[in-house]
Amino acid sequence: MGECSLSGQKQKAVFLDRDGVINHSVVREGKPYPPASVEELEIIQGTREALDRLKAAGFLLLVTTNQPDVARGTQKQSEVEKIHQKMRAELPLDDFFPCYHDGDGCDCRKPKPGLIFQGQKEYDIDLSQSYMIGDRWRDIDAGHAAGLPSILLDYQYKERGPSREPELRVQKLSEAVDWILSRAVTANQQQVSNSGSK
């Protein structure tokens, strides 16, 4: 369940896509697919360290993931939940917001920003201090639709690109974290400067 900040201030978050960002996607013919089971789950090397750095800087870590194979009948929701349980046990993730629908008729399937808005509402998040990290065009479009600076882990998939250029293209999650933390430091310095000049 979501919790509000004890100080009464809104929280900041990094919204993360799951497959290709936290764990390896199963790539077939240039297109990424989710792991079918806990046994197939393989956390990308360096992910724990990168997420620990974001947590230390005060960011909530919320996973937003399209899992349409459940609606298609080729995956069980219970298996997706087992994968999430294992990820929670191994990584400092605060919550998961999955969309189990197929097609774009719902409000939650990325590129629509519904999953981000769910996280915002549940955790009282200040989107102006938050970010989106993903490896596909749907993630970047969803982030931009929610007003978030969005970072693409660019694996050169054989698919269309985002509707708008991401704020940053990188090869590793650690590079995305470097950029976020540098921006956070700059924002904090500006706040200190502004409060000192009043």
Foldseek 3Di string as FASTA:
>chain_A
DADEDPVNDAAAAEEEEDDPAFWDFDDDPLDGHHDQALVRTGGDPPNQVLQVLVVVVRHAYEYEYEAQVCVVVNHPPVRVVVNVVVCVVVHVHDYYQYDHHDDDPDQRFFVRQVSVVVVCVRHVHDQVLYEYEYAAQRRQSNCVNVVHQYEHLHPPGPDDHHPDDGPYYDNHSNVVSVVSVVVVVVVVVVVVVVVVVD
